[in-house]
Amino acid sequence: MSRTNSSTFASSLLSRLRLGLLPVVAALAMGLSGCIHYDDGADSRMYWTFAGRDCGRAGVDTVQIFIESRDGYVYDSAIVACERGYVDFYDLPSGDVWVTALGFDRRGAYATWDFYRNIRMHHGYNELTLELIPSGAR
């Protein structure tokens, strides 16, 4: 094989390899360009306390928590036995949320303790302690 023939052969082979790889590269690109979900939400564990008192000394039987947007959209809420001491929330938005926590006595007719605050939720896990104060103390 002459030098011209070998370079033509090499060029032809390289051309065929490129054409053969083209569908593979295209398939990989399409497969990797699918919808990829990035979790940009926040999870939170919220504890509560009543001016340093436990549930029994504060007379609180249940705690109700609302997590809302500034315009009142409720992202999540929970009613929990006070003695549990915490509640977990998942898939909340990152950023500012309005948190309302209410402590109810056994009758549950009205809140005897409360907490109202704008809180910044960070991406990932957030651990908070809500310091409830006697209702009407504001």
N, C-alpha and C. Protein backbone atom coordinates (compact mmCIF):
# COMPACT_ATOMS: atom_id res chain seq x y z
N MET A 1 0.85 -1.16 0.00
CA MET A 1 0.00 0.00 0.00
C MET A 1 0.90 1.23 0.00
N SER A 2 0.60 2.14 -0.91
CA SER A 2 1.42 3.35 -0.98
C SER A 2 1.01 4.32 0.12
N ARG A 3 1.82 5.31 0.27
CA ARG A 3 1.57 6.28 1.33
C ARG A 3 0.24 7.01 1.07
N THR A 4 -0.08 7.33 -0.15
CA THR A 4 -1.32 8.01 -0.49
C THR A 4 -2.51 7.12 -0.19
N ASN A 5 -2.38 5.83 -0.57
CA ASN A 5 -3.47 4.89 -0.30
C ASN A 5 -3.68 4.69 1.19
N SER A 6 -2.60 4.64 1.97
CA SER A 6 -2.74 4.42 3.41
C SER A 6 -3.36 5.64 4.09
N SER A 7 -3.03 6.84 3.64
CA SER A 7 -3.64 8.02 4.25
C SER A 7 -5.11 8.13 3.85
N THR A 8 -5.45 7.72 2.63
CA THR A 8 -6.85 7.70 2.20
C THR A 8 -7.62 6.66 3.00
N PHE A 9 -6.99 5.49 3.20
CA PHE A 9 -7.61 4.43 3.99
C PHE A 9 -7.84 4.90 5.43
N ALA A 10 -6.84 5.54 6.03
CA ALA A 10 -6.96 6.03 7.40
C ALA A 10 -8.04 7.10 7.49
N SER A 11 -8.08 7.97 6.52
CA SER A 11 -9.08 9.03 6.50
C SER A 11 -10.48 8.44 6.37
N SER A 12 -10.62 7.43 5.52
CA SER A 12 -11.91 6.77 5.32
C SER A 12 -12.34 6.04 6.60
N LEU A 13 -11.39 5.37 7.25
CA LEU A 13 -11.68 4.66 8.49
C LEU A 13 -12.11 5.63 9.58
N LEU A 14 -11.40 6.73 9.69
CA LEU A 14 -11.73 7.74 10.69
C LEU A 14 -13.11 8.32 10.43
N SER A 15 -13.43 8.53 9.19
CA SER A 15 -14.74 9.05 8.80
C SER A 15 -15.84 8.07 9.21
N ARG A 16 -15.62 6.78 8.96
CA ARG A 16 -16.61 5.76 9.34
C ARG A 16 -16.77 5.66 10.85
N LEU A 17 -15.66 5.78 11.57
CA LEU A 17 -15.73 5.75 13.03
C LEU A 17 -16.53 6.93 13.56
N ARG A 18 -16.29 8.09 13.01
CA ARG A 18 -17.03 9.28 13.43
C ARG A 18 -18.52 9.10 13.19
N LEU A 19 -18.86 8.60 11.99
CA LEU A 19 -20.26 8.36 11.67
C LEU A 19 -20.87 7.29 12.58
N GLY A 20 -20.06 6.29 12.93
CA GLY A 20 -20.54 5.24 13.82
C GLY A 20 -20.76 5.73 15.24
N LEU A 21 -19.94 6.69 15.65
CA LEU A 21 -20.06 7.23 17.01
C LEU A 21 -21.15 8.28 17.12
N LEU A 22 -21.51 8.89 16.01
CA LEU A 22 -22.49 9.95 16.04
C LEU A 22 -23.82 9.52 16.68
N PRO A 23 -24.40 8.38 16.29
CA PRO A 23 -25.66 7.97 16.94
C PRO A 23 -25.48 7.69 18.44
N VAL A 24 -24.32 7.17 18.81
CA VAL A 24 -24.06 6.87 20.23
C VAL A 24 -24.00 8.17 21.03
N VAL A 25 -23.26 9.14 20.51
CA VAL A 25 -23.15 10.43 21.19
C VAL A 25 -24.52 11.11 21.26
N ALA A 26 -25.27 11.05 20.18
CA ALA A 26 -26.60 11.67 20.16
C ALA A 26 -27.53 10.99 21.18
N ALA A 27 -27.48 9.67 21.25
CA ALA A 27 -28.33 8.95 22.20
C ALA A 27 -27.96 9.30 23.64
N LEU A 28 -26.67 9.38 23.91
CA LEU A 28 -26.22 9.76 25.26
C LEU A 28 -26.68 11.17 25.60
N ALA A 29 -26.54 12.08 24.67
CA ALA A 29 -26.94 13.46 24.91
C ALA A 29 -28.44 13.55 25.18
N MET A 30 -29.23 12.81 24.43
CA MET A 30 -30.67 12.84 24.64
C MET A 30 -31.05 12.20 25.96
N GLY A 31 -30.38 11.13 26.30
CA GLY A 31 -30.68 10.45 27.56
C GLY A 31 -30.31 11.29 28.76
N LEU A 32 -29.24 12.04 28.65
CA LEU A 32 -28.79 12.86 29.77
C LEU A 32 -29.49 14.21 29.83
N SER A 33 -30.22 14.56 28.80
CA SER A 33 -30.88 15.87 28.81
C SER A 33 -32.31 15.79 29.32
N GLY A 34 -32.70 14.66 29.88
CA GLY A 34 -34.05 14.51 30.39
C GLY A 34 -34.31 15.42 31.57
N CYS A 35 -35.49 15.37 32.07
CA CYS A 35 -35.88 16.22 33.18
C CYS A 35 -35.14 15.78 34.44
N ILE A 36 -34.35 16.66 34.96
CA ILE A 36 -33.61 16.37 36.19
C ILE A 36 -34.21 17.23 37.28
N HIS A 37 -34.63 16.62 38.38
CA HIS A 37 -35.26 17.35 39.48
C HIS A 37 -34.21 17.65 40.55
N TYR A 38 -34.06 18.91 40.84
CA TYR A 38 -33.19 19.33 41.93
C TYR A 38 -34.08 19.72 43.10
N ASP A 39 -33.85 19.13 44.25
CA ASP A 39 -34.65 19.43 45.43
C ASP A 39 -34.17 20.75 46.01
N ASP A 40 -34.96 21.79 45.81
CA ASP A 40 -34.58 23.09 46.35
C ASP A 40 -35.43 23.45 47.56
N GLY A 41 -36.14 22.48 48.10
CA GLY A 41 -37.02 22.73 49.23
C GLY A 41 -36.32 22.65 50.57
N ALA A 42 -37.11 22.87 51.59
CA ALA A 42 -36.61 22.87 52.96
C ALA A 42 -37.41 21.88 53.79
N ASP A 43 -36.74 21.22 54.70
CA ASP A 43 -37.39 20.38 55.70
C ASP A 43 -37.13 21.03 57.05
N SER A 44 -38.05 20.81 57.99
CA SER A 44 -37.87 21.47 59.28
C SER A 44 -38.40 20.61 60.42
N ARG A 45 -37.67 20.62 61.50
CA ARG A 45 -38.15 20.07 62.77
C ARG A 45 -38.35 21.26 63.69
N MET A 46 -39.58 21.41 64.19
CA MET A 46 -39.91 22.53 65.07
C MET A 46 -40.23 22.02 66.47
N TYR A 47 -39.47 22.53 67.42
CA TYR A 47 -39.70 22.27 68.84
C TYR A 47 -40.46 23.47 69.41
N TRP A 48 -41.01 23.33 70.60
CA TRP A 48 -41.67 24.46 71.24
C TRP A 48 -41.40 24.46 72.73
N THR A 49 -41.51 25.65 73.28
CA THR A 49 -41.37 25.83 74.72
C THR A 49 -42.28 26.99 75.13
N PHE A 50 -42.60 27.05 76.39
CA PHE A 50 -43.55 28.03 76.91
C PHE A 50 -42.89 28.83 78.03
N ALA A 51 -42.13 29.83 77.66
CA ALA A 51 -41.41 30.66 78.64
C ALA A 51 -40.65 29.79 79.64
N GLY A 52 -39.99 28.76 79.12
CA GLY A 52 -39.19 27.87 79.96
C GLY A 52 -39.98 26.77 80.66
N ARG A 53 -41.27 26.75 80.48
CA ARG A 53 -42.11 25.72 81.11
C ARG A 53 -42.32 24.54 80.16
N ASP A 54 -42.59 23.38 80.75
CA ASP A 54 -42.98 22.24 79.92
C ASP A 54 -44.50 22.32 79.68
N CYS A 55 -45.02 21.40 78.91
CA CYS A 55 -46.44 21.42 78.55
C CYS A 55 -47.36 21.39 79.77
N GLY A 56 -47.06 20.51 80.72
CA GLY A 56 -47.89 20.37 81.91
C GLY A 56 -47.96 21.65 82.72
N ARG A 57 -46.80 22.25 82.98
CA ARG A 57 -46.76 23.49 83.78
C ARG A 57 -47.38 24.67 83.03
N ALA A 58 -47.36 24.61 81.70
CA ALA A 58 -47.97 25.68 80.91
C ALA A 58 -49.46 25.44 80.69
N GLY A 59 -49.94 24.24 81.03
CA GLY A 59 -51.35 23.90 80.84
C GLY A 59 -51.72 23.70 79.38
N VAL A 60 -50.76 23.25 78.57
CA VAL A 60 -51.01 23.07 77.14
C VAL A 60 -51.13 21.58 76.82
N ASP A 61 -52.21 21.25 76.12
CA ASP A 61 -52.48 19.87 75.74
C ASP A 61 -52.08 19.58 74.29
N THR A 62 -52.40 20.51 73.39
CA THR A 62 -52.07 20.34 71.98
C THR A 62 -51.43 21.62 71.42
N VAL A 63 -50.60 21.42 70.40
CA VAL A 63 -49.97 22.54 69.70
C VAL A 63 -50.38 22.46 68.24
N GLN A 64 -50.81 23.59 67.71
CA GLN A 64 -51.18 23.67 66.30
C GLN A 64 -50.23 24.64 65.62
N ILE A 65 -49.65 24.22 64.49
CA ILE A 65 -48.68 25.05 63.77
C ILE A 65 -49.13 25.20 62.32
N PHE A 66 -49.07 26.43 61.82
CA PHE A 66 -49.34 26.74 60.42
C PHE A 66 -48.08 27.33 59.81
N ILE A 67 -47.76 26.93 58.59
CA ILE A 67 -46.66 27.52 57.84
C ILE A 67 -47.27 28.08 56.56
N GLU A 68 -47.18 29.41 56.42
CA GLU A 68 -47.87 30.10 55.33
C GLU A 68 -46.96 31.02 54.54
N SER A 69 -47.43 31.38 53.35
CA SER A 69 -46.77 32.42 52.57
C SER A 69 -47.24 33.77 53.10
N ARG A 70 -46.61 34.83 52.63
CA ARG A 70 -47.01 36.18 53.07
C ARG A 70 -48.46 36.50 52.69
N ASP A 71 -48.94 35.92 51.60
CA ASP A 71 -50.31 36.21 51.17
C ASP A 71 -51.33 35.20 51.70
N GLY A 72 -50.92 34.38 52.66
CA GLY A 72 -51.88 33.50 53.33
C GLY A 72 -52.01 32.09 52.80
N TYR A 73 -51.24 31.72 51.79
CA TYR A 73 -51.30 30.34 51.28
C TYR A 73 -50.67 29.42 52.33
N VAL A 74 -51.42 28.42 52.78
CA VAL A 74 -50.91 27.49 53.80
C VAL A 74 -50.12 26.38 53.13
N TYR A 75 -48.80 26.37 53.38
CA TYR A 75 -47.94 25.33 52.83
C TYR A 75 -48.13 24.02 53.57
N ASP A 76 -48.28 24.11 54.89
CA ASP A 76 -48.47 22.91 55.71
C ASP A 76 -48.98 23.33 57.08
N SER A 77 -49.56 22.38 57.79
CA SER A 77 -50.02 22.62 59.15
C SER A 77 -50.04 21.29 59.89
N ALA A 78 -50.08 21.39 61.21
CA ALA A 78 -50.10 20.17 62.03
C ALA A 78 -50.75 20.47 63.37
N ILE A 79 -51.42 19.48 63.90
CA ILE A 79 -51.92 19.52 65.28
C ILE A 79 -51.28 18.33 65.97
N VAL A 80 -50.54 18.62 67.04
CA VAL A 80 -49.71 17.60 67.68
C VAL A 80 -49.93 17.63 69.19
N ALA A 81 -49.90 16.45 69.81
CA ALA A 81 -49.92 16.40 71.27
C ALA A 81 -48.70 17.15 71.80
N CYS A 82 -48.92 18.05 72.72
CA CYS A 82 -47.83 18.90 73.22
C CYS A 82 -46.66 18.10 73.77
N GLU A 83 -46.95 17.04 74.49
CA GLU A 83 -45.89 16.24 75.13
C GLU A 83 -44.89 15.66 74.13
N ARG A 84 -45.28 15.53 72.90
CA ARG A 84 -44.34 15.03 71.88
C ARG A 84 -43.13 15.95 71.77
N GLY A 85 -43.36 17.25 71.86
CA GLY A 85 -42.26 18.20 71.90
C GLY A 85 -41.76 18.74 70.58
N TYR A 86 -42.17 18.16 69.47
CA TYR A 86 -41.71 18.63 68.15
C TYR A 86 -42.65 18.11 67.06
N VAL A 87 -42.49 18.69 65.89
CA VAL A 87 -43.19 18.21 64.70
C VAL A 87 -42.26 18.42 63.50
N ASP A 88 -42.33 17.51 62.54
CA ASP A 88 -41.51 17.59 61.33
C ASP A 88 -42.36 18.04 60.15
N PHE A 89 -41.78 18.91 59.33
CA PHE A 89 -42.40 19.34 58.08
C PHE A 89 -41.42 19.05 56.95
N TYR A 90 -41.97 18.65 55.80
CA TYR A 90 -41.14 18.31 54.65
C TYR A 90 -41.58 19.09 53.42
N ASP A 91 -40.63 19.30 52.52
CA ASP A 91 -40.89 19.93 51.22
C ASP A 91 -41.52 21.32 51.33
N LEU A 92 -41.01 22.09 52.27
CA LEU A 92 -41.43 23.49 52.37
C LEU A 92 -40.60 24.30 51.38
N PRO A 93 -41.09 25.48 51.01
CA PRO A 93 -40.27 26.31 50.12
C PRO A 93 -39.10 26.92 50.88
N SER A 94 -37.99 27.09 50.20
CA SER A 94 -36.89 27.85 50.78
C SER A 94 -37.28 29.32 50.75
N GLY A 95 -36.82 30.08 51.72
CA GLY A 95 -37.14 31.50 51.76
C GLY A 95 -37.99 31.83 52.97
N ASP A 96 -38.59 33.02 52.94
CA ASP A 96 -39.38 33.49 54.07
C ASP A 96 -40.75 32.83 54.11
N VAL A 97 -41.13 32.37 55.30
CA VAL A 97 -42.47 31.84 55.55
C VAL A 97 -42.98 32.44 56.86
N TRP A 98 -44.28 32.48 57.00
CA TRP A 98 -44.90 32.97 58.22
C TRP A 98 -45.29 31.75 59.05
N VAL A 99 -44.81 31.70 60.30
CA VAL A 99 -45.11 30.56 61.18
C VAL A 99 -46.01 31.04 62.31
N THR A 100 -47.12 30.34 62.49
CA THR A 100 -48.03 30.58 63.60
C THR A 100 -48.10 29.30 64.41
N ALA A 101 -47.87 29.41 65.71
CA ALA A 101 -47.99 28.25 66.61
C ALA A 101 -48.93 28.64 67.73
N LEU A 102 -49.86 27.76 68.03
CA LEU A 102 -50.84 28.01 69.08
C LEU A 102 -50.85 26.85 70.06
N GLY A 103 -50.85 27.17 71.34
CA GLY A 103 -50.94 26.14 72.38
C GLY A 103 -52.33 26.15 72.98
N PHE A 104 -52.99 25.00 72.96
CA PHE A 104 -54.37 24.88 73.46
C PHE A 104 -54.40 24.06 74.75
N ASP A 105 -55.29 24.46 75.66
CA ASP A 105 -55.48 23.66 76.88
C ASP A 105 -56.34 22.44 76.53
N ARG A 106 -56.68 21.66 77.55
CA ARG A 106 -57.46 20.42 77.33
C ARG A 106 -58.78 20.65 76.62
N ARG A 107 -59.44 21.74 76.94
CA ARG A 107 -60.73 22.03 76.31
C ARG A 107 -60.57 22.38 74.84
N GLY A 108 -59.44 22.97 74.49
CA GLY A 108 -59.16 23.30 73.09
C GLY A 108 -60.03 24.40 72.51
N ALA A 109 -60.74 25.12 73.37
CA ALA A 109 -61.65 26.15 72.88
C ALA A 109 -60.91 27.37 72.35
N TYR A 110 -59.81 27.73 72.99
CA TYR A 110 -59.04 28.88 72.53
C TYR A 110 -57.57 28.69 72.91
N ALA A 111 -56.72 29.39 72.19
CA ALA A 111 -55.28 29.27 72.42
C ALA A 111 -54.90 30.03 73.69
N THR A 112 -54.12 29.37 74.54
CA THR A 112 -53.63 30.02 75.75
C THR A 112 -52.19 30.52 75.58
N TRP A 113 -51.49 30.01 74.57
CA TRP A 113 -50.12 30.42 74.24
C TRP A 113 -50.04 30.61 72.73
N ASP A 114 -49.17 31.54 72.27
CA ASP A 114 -49.05 31.73 70.82
C ASP A 114 -47.66 32.20 70.40
N PHE A 115 -47.43 32.07 69.11
CA PHE A 115 -46.17 32.45 68.47
C PHE A 115 -46.50 32.87 67.05
N TYR A 116 -46.07 34.06 66.66
CA TYR A 116 -46.27 34.56 65.30
C TYR A 116 -44.95 35.16 64.83
N ARG A 117 -44.40 34.63 63.75
CA ARG A 117 -43.12 35.18 63.30
C ARG A 117 -42.83 34.79 61.85
N ASN A 118 -42.17 35.72 61.16
CA ASN A 118 -41.63 35.46 59.84
C ASN A 118 -40.29 34.75 60.04
N ILE A 119 -40.12 33.61 59.38
CA ILE A 119 -38.89 32.82 59.55
C ILE A 119 -38.33 32.50 58.17
N ARG A 120 -37.01 32.56 58.05
CA ARG A 120 -36.35 32.21 56.79
C ARG A 120 -36.00 30.72 56.81
N MET A 121 -36.56 29.98 55.87
CA MET A 121 -36.24 28.57 55.70
C MET A 121 -35.09 28.45 54.70
N HIS A 122 -34.07 27.76 55.09
CA HIS A 122 -32.92 27.54 54.21
C HIS A 122 -33.06 26.20 53.52
N HIS A 123 -32.49 26.10 52.33
CA HIS A 123 -32.49 24.84 51.59
C HIS A 123 -31.93 23.74 52.50
N GLY A 124 -32.57 22.60 52.52
CA GLY A 124 -32.10 21.48 53.35
C GLY A 124 -32.85 21.42 54.66
N TYR A 125 -32.14 21.07 55.72
CA TYR A 125 -32.74 20.81 57.03
C TYR A 125 -32.66 22.05 57.91
N ASN A 126 -33.78 22.40 58.55
CA ASN A 126 -33.86 23.54 59.46
C ASN A 126 -34.41 23.05 60.79
N GLU A 127 -33.73 23.38 61.87
CA GLU A 127 -34.19 23.00 63.21
C GLU A 127 -34.48 24.28 63.98
N LEU A 128 -35.71 24.39 64.48
CA LEU A 128 -36.16 25.62 65.14
C LEU A 128 -36.79 25.32 66.48
N THR A 129 -36.67 26.25 67.41
CA THR A 129 -37.41 26.19 68.66
C THR A 129 -38.32 27.41 68.70
N LEU A 130 -39.61 27.17 68.80
CA LEU A 130 -40.60 28.24 68.85
C LEU A 130 -40.88 28.57 70.31
N GLU A 131 -40.63 29.81 70.71
CA GLU A 131 -40.85 30.26 72.08
C GLU A 131 -42.24 30.88 72.16
N LEU A 132 -43.22 30.09 72.57
CA LEU A 132 -44.58 30.60 72.68
C LEU A 132 -44.70 31.46 73.94
N ILE A 133 -45.54 32.50 73.85
CA ILE A 133 -45.80 33.35 75.01
C ILE A 133 -47.28 33.28 75.34
N PRO A 134 -47.67 33.68 76.56
CA PRO A 134 -49.10 33.64 76.90
C PRO A 134 -49.91 34.49 75.92
N SER A 135 -51.04 33.97 75.48
CA SER A 135 -51.90 34.72 74.55
C SER A 135 -52.35 36.01 75.22
N GLY A 136 -52.36 37.07 74.46
CA GLY A 136 -52.75 38.38 75.00
C GLY A 136 -51.61 39.12 75.64
N ALA A 137 -50.41 38.55 75.67
CA ALA A 137 -49.26 39.20 76.31
C ALA A 137 -48.55 40.17 75.37
N ARG A 138 -48.98 40.27 74.15
CA ARG A 138 -48.33 41.19 73.19
C ARG A 138 -48.78 42.60 73.41
